[in-house]
């Protein structure tokens, strides 16, 4: 950019838009790297004269259901939530509006434990990158 606006309001809007673009492009980059790795694996197997015996690794079709998490009690300092929509369960930042459904607020320790146990993280708000 050659010239930036001088007022704080427009600079905040620009900064928010740029941060959103970085997040979107990171997500696309991760997807493309996974696809590249799958193609490279298939190519290596084809070069050996074998048919691929297993499909490339993918995310679990059905994320594990969380149980025993505390319900939201009004403490606005809690920064994460678990959203359950049918069989889909995912972890979000507390202010993420991407997914609707029953939610349970969790603290940072519970969020980290849930991610370690394989709970899917929202690809938009990216709670797995530190919240």
N, C-alpha and C. Protein backbone atom coordinates (compact mmCIF):
# COMPACT_ATOMS: atom_id res chain seq x y z
N UNK A 1 0.84 -1.17 0.00
CA UNK A 1 0.00 0.00 0.00
C UNK A 1 0.88 1.24 0.00
N UNK A 2 0.54 2.16 -0.84
CA UNK A 2 1.36 3.36 -0.90
C UNK A 2 0.97 4.37 0.18
N UNK A 3 -0.33 4.56 0.39
CA UNK A 3 -0.77 5.50 1.42
C UNK A 3 -1.85 4.85 2.26
N UNK A 4 -1.73 5.03 3.55
CA UNK A 4 -2.72 4.51 4.48
C UNK A 4 -3.57 5.66 4.98
N UNK A 5 -4.83 5.39 5.32
CA UNK A 5 -5.66 6.46 5.88
C UNK A 5 -5.08 6.91 7.22
N UNK A 6 -5.40 8.12 7.59
CA UNK A 6 -4.82 8.67 8.81
C UNK A 6 -5.70 8.46 10.05
N UNK A 7 -6.98 8.10 9.85
CA UNK A 7 -7.85 7.95 11.03
C UNK A 7 -7.85 6.50 11.53
N UNK A 8 -7.98 6.38 12.85
CA UNK A 8 -7.89 5.08 13.51
C UNK A 8 -9.01 4.13 13.10
N UNK A 9 -10.21 4.66 12.87
CA UNK A 9 -11.34 3.79 12.53
C UNK A 9 -11.09 3.03 11.22
N UNK A 10 -10.66 3.72 10.19
CA UNK A 10 -10.40 3.04 8.91
C UNK A 10 -9.19 2.12 9.01
N UNK A 11 -8.19 2.51 9.80
CA UNK A 11 -7.03 1.63 9.99
C UNK A 11 -7.43 0.34 10.69
N UNK A 12 -8.35 0.43 11.68
CA UNK A 12 -8.83 -0.78 12.35
C UNK A 12 -9.56 -1.70 11.37
N UNK A 13 -10.38 -1.12 10.51
CA UNK A 13 -11.10 -1.91 9.51
C UNK A 13 -10.12 -2.61 8.58
N UNK A 14 -9.11 -1.88 8.12
CA UNK A 14 -8.10 -2.47 7.25
C UNK A 14 -7.35 -3.60 7.95
N UNK A 15 -6.97 -3.37 9.21
CA UNK A 15 -6.25 -4.38 9.96
C UNK A 15 -7.10 -5.63 10.14
N UNK A 16 -8.36 -5.47 10.48
CA UNK A 16 -9.25 -6.63 10.66
C UNK A 16 -9.39 -7.40 9.35
N UNK A 17 -9.55 -6.69 8.24
CA UNK A 17 -9.68 -7.35 6.94
C UNK A 17 -8.40 -8.11 6.60
N UNK A 18 -7.24 -7.50 6.83
CA UNK A 18 -5.96 -8.17 6.54
C UNK A 18 -5.78 -9.41 7.41
N UNK A 19 -6.15 -9.33 8.69
CA UNK A 19 -6.04 -10.50 9.56
C UNK A 19 -6.95 -11.63 9.08
N UNK A 20 -8.14 -11.27 8.61
CA UNK A 20 -9.06 -12.28 8.07
C UNK A 20 -8.46 -12.93 6.82
N UNK A 21 -7.85 -12.15 5.96
CA UNK A 21 -7.23 -12.70 4.75
C UNK A 21 -6.08 -13.64 5.09
N UNK A 22 -5.28 -13.27 6.09
CA UNK A 22 -4.18 -14.14 6.51
C UNK A 22 -4.73 -15.47 7.01
N UNK A 23 -5.77 -15.44 7.82
CA UNK A 23 -6.39 -16.67 8.34
C UNK A 23 -6.93 -17.52 7.20
N UNK A 24 -7.65 -16.89 6.26
CA UNK A 24 -8.21 -17.63 5.13
C UNK A 24 -7.11 -18.27 4.30
N UNK A 25 -6.05 -17.54 4.05
CA UNK A 25 -4.96 -18.08 3.24
C UNK A 25 -4.19 -19.17 3.97
N UNK A 26 -4.07 -19.07 5.30
CA UNK A 26 -3.43 -20.14 6.07
C UNK A 26 -4.24 -21.43 5.93
N UNK A 27 -5.56 -21.31 5.99
CA UNK A 27 -6.43 -22.47 5.86
C UNK A 27 -6.27 -23.12 4.49
N UNK A 28 -6.24 -22.31 3.45
CA UNK A 28 -6.06 -22.84 2.09
C UNK A 28 -4.69 -23.49 1.97
N UNK A 29 -3.67 -22.88 2.55
CA UNK A 29 -2.32 -23.44 2.50
C UNK A 29 -2.25 -24.81 3.16
N UNK A 30 -2.90 -24.96 4.30
CA UNK A 30 -2.92 -26.25 4.99
C UNK A 30 -3.60 -27.30 4.11
N UNK A 31 -4.73 -26.95 3.53
CA UNK A 31 -5.45 -27.87 2.66
C UNK A 31 -4.58 -28.28 1.48
N UNK A 32 -3.93 -27.32 0.84
CA UNK A 32 -3.10 -27.63 -0.33
C UNK A 32 -1.91 -28.51 0.04
N UNK A 33 -1.30 -28.26 1.21
CA UNK A 33 -0.19 -29.12 1.64
C UNK A 33 -0.65 -30.55 1.88
N UNK A 34 -1.83 -30.72 2.48
CA UNK A 34 -2.37 -32.07 2.70
C UNK A 34 -2.63 -32.77 1.37
N UNK A 35 -3.18 -32.06 0.41
CA UNK A 35 -3.44 -32.64 -0.90
C UNK A 35 -2.13 -33.00 -1.60
N UNK A 36 -1.14 -32.11 -1.52
CA UNK A 36 0.17 -32.37 -2.12
C UNK A 36 0.79 -33.63 -1.54
N UNK A 37 0.72 -33.77 -0.21
CA UNK A 37 1.30 -34.95 0.44
C UNK A 37 0.59 -36.23 0.00
N UNK A 38 -0.74 -36.17 -0.16
CA UNK A 38 -1.49 -37.34 -0.60
C UNK A 38 -1.10 -37.73 -2.02
N UNK A 39 -0.94 -36.74 -2.90
CA UNK A 39 -0.54 -37.02 -4.29
C UNK A 39 0.88 -37.58 -4.33
N UNK A 40 1.77 -37.02 -3.54
CA UNK A 40 3.15 -37.52 -3.51
C UNK A 40 3.20 -38.97 -3.02
N UNK A 41 2.39 -39.30 -2.02
CA UNK A 41 2.33 -40.67 -1.52
C UNK A 41 1.79 -41.61 -2.59
N UNK A 42 0.73 -41.21 -3.27
CA UNK A 42 0.15 -42.04 -4.33
C UNK A 42 1.14 -42.22 -5.47
N UNK A 43 1.89 -41.16 -5.81
CA UNK A 43 2.89 -41.24 -6.87
C UNK A 43 4.00 -42.21 -6.49
N UNK A 44 4.45 -42.16 -5.25
CA UNK A 44 5.51 -43.07 -4.80
C UNK A 44 5.04 -44.52 -4.88
N UNK A 45 3.81 -44.78 -4.50
CA UNK A 45 3.28 -46.14 -4.57
C UNK A 45 3.10 -46.58 -6.03
N UNK A 46 2.65 -45.67 -6.88
CA UNK A 46 2.47 -46.01 -8.29
C UNK A 46 3.81 -46.29 -8.95
N UNK A 47 4.84 -45.56 -8.55
CA UNK A 47 6.17 -45.75 -9.12
C UNK A 47 6.72 -47.12 -8.74
N UNK A 48 6.31 -47.66 -7.61
CA UNK A 48 6.74 -48.98 -7.19
C UNK A 48 5.88 -50.08 -7.80
N UNK A 49 4.88 -49.69 -8.60
CA UNK A 49 4.01 -50.66 -9.24
C UNK A 49 2.89 -51.16 -8.36
N UNK A 50 2.64 -50.47 -7.26
CA UNK A 50 1.58 -50.86 -6.34
C UNK A 50 0.40 -49.91 -6.49
N UNK A 51 -0.75 -50.42 -6.20
CA UNK A 51 -1.92 -49.57 -6.09
C UNK A 51 -1.97 -49.07 -4.65
N UNK A 52 -2.37 -47.84 -4.44
CA UNK A 52 -2.48 -47.37 -3.06
C UNK A 52 -3.44 -48.26 -2.27
N UNK A 53 -2.96 -48.72 -1.12
CA UNK A 53 -3.78 -49.63 -0.32
C UNK A 53 -4.63 -48.90 0.70
N UNK A 54 -4.20 -47.72 1.10
CA UNK A 54 -4.97 -46.95 2.06
C UNK A 54 -5.14 -45.54 1.54
N UNK A 55 -6.30 -44.96 1.78
CA UNK A 55 -6.50 -43.58 1.36
C UNK A 55 -5.64 -42.65 2.22
N UNK A 56 -5.37 -41.45 1.73
CA UNK A 56 -4.59 -40.51 2.53
C UNK A 56 -5.33 -40.19 3.82
N UNK A 57 -4.57 -39.87 4.87
CA UNK A 57 -5.22 -39.58 6.15
C UNK A 57 -6.15 -38.37 6.03
N UNK A 58 -7.31 -38.49 6.64
CA UNK A 58 -8.27 -37.39 6.63
C UNK A 58 -8.74 -37.16 8.06
N UNK A 59 -9.42 -36.08 8.24
CA UNK A 59 -9.98 -35.78 9.57
C UNK A 59 -11.03 -36.82 9.90
N UNK A 60 -11.20 -37.14 11.18
CA UNK A 60 -12.23 -38.12 11.54
C UNK A 60 -13.60 -37.65 11.07
N UNK A 61 -14.38 -38.57 10.52
CA UNK A 61 -15.70 -38.24 10.01
C UNK A 61 -16.62 -37.80 11.14
N UNK A 62 -16.42 -38.36 12.30
CA UNK A 62 -17.28 -38.08 13.43
C UNK A 62 -16.42 -37.70 14.63
N UNK A 63 -16.24 -36.39 14.89
CA UNK A 63 -15.42 -36.00 16.03
C UNK A 63 -15.99 -36.57 17.33
N UNK A 64 -15.11 -36.83 18.29
CA UNK A 64 -15.59 -37.42 19.54
C UNK A 64 -16.54 -36.48 20.28
N UNK A 65 -17.51 -37.07 20.94
CA UNK A 65 -18.47 -36.30 21.72
C UNK A 65 -17.85 -35.97 23.08
N UNK A 66 -17.96 -34.75 23.48
CA UNK A 66 -17.42 -34.34 24.78
C UNK A 66 -18.48 -34.57 25.85
N UNK A 67 -18.06 -35.04 27.00
CA UNK A 67 -18.98 -35.24 28.11
C UNK A 67 -18.36 -34.65 29.36
N UNK A 68 -19.19 -34.26 30.26
CA UNK A 68 -18.72 -33.79 31.54
C UNK A 68 -18.13 -32.39 31.53
N UNK A 69 -18.36 -31.61 30.48
CA UNK A 69 -17.84 -30.24 30.48
C UNK A 69 -18.76 -29.34 31.28
N UNK A 70 -18.20 -28.33 31.92
CA UNK A 70 -19.05 -27.45 32.73
C UNK A 70 -19.98 -26.64 31.84
N UNK A 71 -21.13 -26.29 32.37
CA UNK A 71 -22.04 -25.43 31.61
C UNK A 71 -21.63 -23.98 31.84
N UNK A 72 -22.07 -23.11 30.95
CA UNK A 72 -21.74 -21.69 31.03
C UNK A 72 -22.48 -21.07 32.21
N UNK A 73 -21.73 -20.42 33.08
CA UNK A 73 -22.33 -19.86 34.29
C UNK A 73 -22.36 -18.34 34.29
N UNK A 74 -22.00 -17.72 33.20
CA UNK A 74 -22.04 -16.26 33.14
C UNK A 74 -20.68 -15.62 33.25
N UNK A 75 -19.63 -16.39 33.43
CA UNK A 75 -18.28 -15.84 33.52
C UNK A 75 -17.78 -15.51 32.12
N UNK A 76 -17.75 -14.24 31.77
CA UNK A 76 -17.38 -13.80 30.43
C UNK A 76 -15.88 -13.92 30.15
N UNK A 77 -15.08 -14.29 31.15
CA UNK A 77 -13.65 -14.42 30.92
C UNK A 77 -13.31 -15.74 30.24
N UNK A 78 -14.28 -16.67 30.18
CA UNK A 78 -14.06 -17.95 29.52
C UNK A 78 -13.93 -17.68 28.03
N UNK A 79 -12.85 -18.17 27.41
CA UNK A 79 -12.58 -17.80 26.03
C UNK A 79 -12.88 -18.83 24.97
N UNK A 80 -13.43 -19.99 25.34
CA UNK A 80 -13.68 -21.05 24.36
C UNK A 80 -15.07 -21.63 24.57
N UNK A 81 -15.58 -22.26 23.51
CA UNK A 81 -16.85 -22.96 23.63
C UNK A 81 -16.83 -24.21 22.76
N UNK A 82 -17.56 -25.22 23.18
CA UNK A 82 -17.75 -26.44 22.41
C UNK A 82 -19.15 -26.35 21.83
N UNK A 83 -19.26 -26.51 20.50
CA UNK A 83 -20.55 -26.45 19.83
C UNK A 83 -20.91 -27.85 19.35
N UNK A 84 -22.10 -28.29 19.70
CA UNK A 84 -22.59 -29.60 19.27
C UNK A 84 -23.76 -29.39 18.33
N UNK A 85 -23.61 -29.87 17.10
CA UNK A 85 -24.70 -29.79 16.13
C UNK A 85 -24.87 -31.16 15.52
N UNK A 86 -25.85 -31.90 16.03
CA UNK A 86 -26.03 -33.28 15.59
C UNK A 86 -24.82 -34.10 16.00
N UNK A 87 -24.21 -34.78 15.02
CA UNK A 87 -23.03 -35.59 15.30
C UNK A 87 -21.74 -34.79 15.22
N UNK A 88 -21.82 -33.54 14.78
CA UNK A 88 -20.63 -32.71 14.65
C UNK A 88 -20.39 -31.93 15.95
N UNK A 89 -19.18 -32.07 16.46
CA UNK A 89 -18.78 -31.36 17.67
C UNK A 89 -17.49 -30.63 17.36
N UNK A 90 -17.41 -29.35 17.71
CA UNK A 90 -16.19 -28.60 17.40
C UNK A 90 -15.92 -27.55 18.47
N UNK A 91 -14.65 -27.15 18.55
CA UNK A 91 -14.20 -26.15 19.50
C UNK A 91 -14.08 -24.81 18.79
N UNK A 92 -14.57 -23.75 19.43
CA UNK A 92 -14.55 -22.40 18.87
C UNK A 92 -14.06 -21.41 19.92
N UNK A 93 -13.62 -20.25 19.46
CA UNK A 93 -13.41 -19.13 20.37
C UNK A 93 -14.79 -18.68 20.83
N UNK A 94 -14.89 -18.11 22.02
CA UNK A 94 -16.19 -17.77 22.60
C UNK A 94 -16.97 -16.79 21.73
N UNK A 95 -16.30 -15.90 21.01
CA UNK A 95 -17.02 -14.91 20.21
C UNK A 95 -17.24 -15.34 18.76
N UNK A 96 -16.94 -16.59 18.41
CA UNK A 96 -17.12 -17.09 17.05
C UNK A 96 -18.61 -17.33 16.78
N UNK A 97 -19.09 -16.84 15.65
CA UNK A 97 -20.50 -17.01 15.28
C UNK A 97 -20.66 -17.93 14.08
N UNK A 98 -19.62 -18.68 13.71
CA UNK A 98 -19.66 -19.51 12.52
C UNK A 98 -20.68 -20.64 12.64
N UNK A 99 -20.75 -21.29 13.77
CA UNK A 99 -21.59 -22.47 13.95
C UNK A 99 -22.63 -22.18 15.02
N UNK A 100 -23.85 -22.63 14.75
CA UNK A 100 -24.87 -22.48 15.79
C UNK A 100 -25.25 -23.86 16.30
N UNK A 101 -25.78 -23.89 17.46
CA UNK A 101 -26.15 -25.15 18.09
C UNK A 101 -25.91 -25.03 19.58
N UNK A 102 -26.23 -26.08 20.32
CA UNK A 102 -25.99 -26.03 21.76
C UNK A 102 -24.51 -25.83 22.06
N UNK A 103 -24.21 -24.91 22.94
CA UNK A 103 -22.81 -24.63 23.28
C UNK A 103 -22.57 -24.82 24.76
N UNK A 104 -21.32 -25.16 25.07
CA UNK A 104 -20.85 -25.22 26.45
C UNK A 104 -19.55 -24.45 26.51
N UNK A 105 -19.46 -23.50 27.40
CA UNK A 105 -18.23 -22.72 27.57
C UNK A 105 -17.21 -23.58 28.30
N UNK A 106 -15.95 -23.47 27.89
CA UNK A 106 -14.86 -24.20 28.55
C UNK A 106 -13.70 -23.25 28.75
N UNK A 107 -12.86 -23.55 29.73
CA UNK A 107 -11.68 -22.72 29.95
C UNK A 107 -10.54 -23.20 29.05
N UNK A 108 -9.44 -22.50 29.10
CA UNK A 108 -8.31 -22.80 28.22
C UNK A 108 -7.74 -24.19 28.45
N UNK A 109 -7.68 -24.64 29.70
CA UNK A 109 -7.15 -25.97 29.99
C UNK A 109 -8.02 -27.06 29.37
N UNK A 110 -9.34 -26.91 29.50
CA UNK A 110 -10.25 -27.88 28.92
C UNK A 110 -10.19 -27.84 27.39
N UNK A 111 -10.01 -26.65 26.83
CA UNK A 111 -9.92 -26.52 25.37
C UNK A 111 -8.68 -27.24 24.85
N UNK A 112 -7.55 -27.06 25.51
CA UNK A 112 -6.32 -27.74 25.10
C UNK A 112 -6.48 -29.25 25.21
N UNK A 113 -7.07 -29.71 26.30
CA UNK A 113 -7.28 -31.15 26.48
C UNK A 113 -8.20 -31.70 25.40
N UNK A 114 -9.24 -30.97 25.06
CA UNK A 114 -10.17 -31.42 24.02
C UNK A 114 -9.47 -31.53 22.67
N UNK A 115 -8.63 -30.55 22.35
CA UNK A 115 -7.89 -30.60 21.09
C UNK A 115 -6.93 -31.78 21.07
N UNK A 116 -6.26 -32.03 22.19
CA UNK A 116 -5.35 -33.18 22.27
C UNK A 116 -6.09 -34.51 22.11
N UNK A 117 -7.35 -34.54 22.56
CA UNK A 117 -8.16 -35.75 22.45
C UNK A 117 -8.78 -35.91 21.06
N UNK A 118 -8.52 -34.96 20.17
CA UNK A 118 -9.00 -35.09 18.80
C UNK A 118 -10.23 -34.29 18.44
N UNK A 119 -10.70 -33.41 19.32
CA UNK A 119 -11.86 -32.59 18.99
C UNK A 119 -11.50 -31.66 17.84
N UNK A 120 -12.38 -31.53 16.88
CA UNK A 120 -12.14 -30.66 15.71
C UNK A 120 -12.16 -29.20 16.14
N UNK A 121 -11.23 -28.42 15.58
CA UNK A 121 -11.17 -26.98 15.84
C UNK A 121 -11.84 -26.25 14.67
N UNK A 122 -12.54 -25.20 14.96
CA UNK A 122 -13.17 -24.38 13.92
C UNK A 122 -12.08 -23.84 12.98
N UNK A 123 -12.30 -23.98 11.68
CA UNK A 123 -11.29 -23.52 10.72
C UNK A 123 -11.36 -22.02 10.48
N UNK A 124 -12.38 -21.36 11.03
CA UNK A 124 -12.49 -19.92 10.84
C UNK A 124 -11.87 -19.14 12.01
N UNK A 125 -12.25 -19.48 13.24
CA UNK A 125 -11.72 -18.72 14.37
C UNK A 125 -10.41 -19.29 14.90
N UNK A 126 -10.05 -20.52 14.52
CA UNK A 126 -8.78 -21.18 14.83
C UNK A 126 -8.41 -21.17 16.31
N UNK A 127 -9.23 -21.78 17.18
CA UNK A 127 -8.87 -21.84 18.61
C UNK A 127 -7.62 -22.65 18.85
N UNK A 128 -7.23 -23.48 17.89
CA UNK A 128 -6.03 -24.30 18.05
C UNK A 128 -4.75 -23.49 17.87
N UNK A 129 -4.87 -22.24 17.46
CA UNK A 129 -3.68 -21.39 17.30
C UNK A 129 -3.48 -20.46 18.49
N UNK A 130 -4.15 -20.75 19.58
CA UNK A 130 -3.86 -20.01 20.80
C UNK A 130 -4.95 -19.11 21.29
N UNK A 131 -5.96 -18.85 20.48
CA UNK A 131 -7.10 -18.03 20.95
C UNK A 131 -6.64 -16.67 21.25
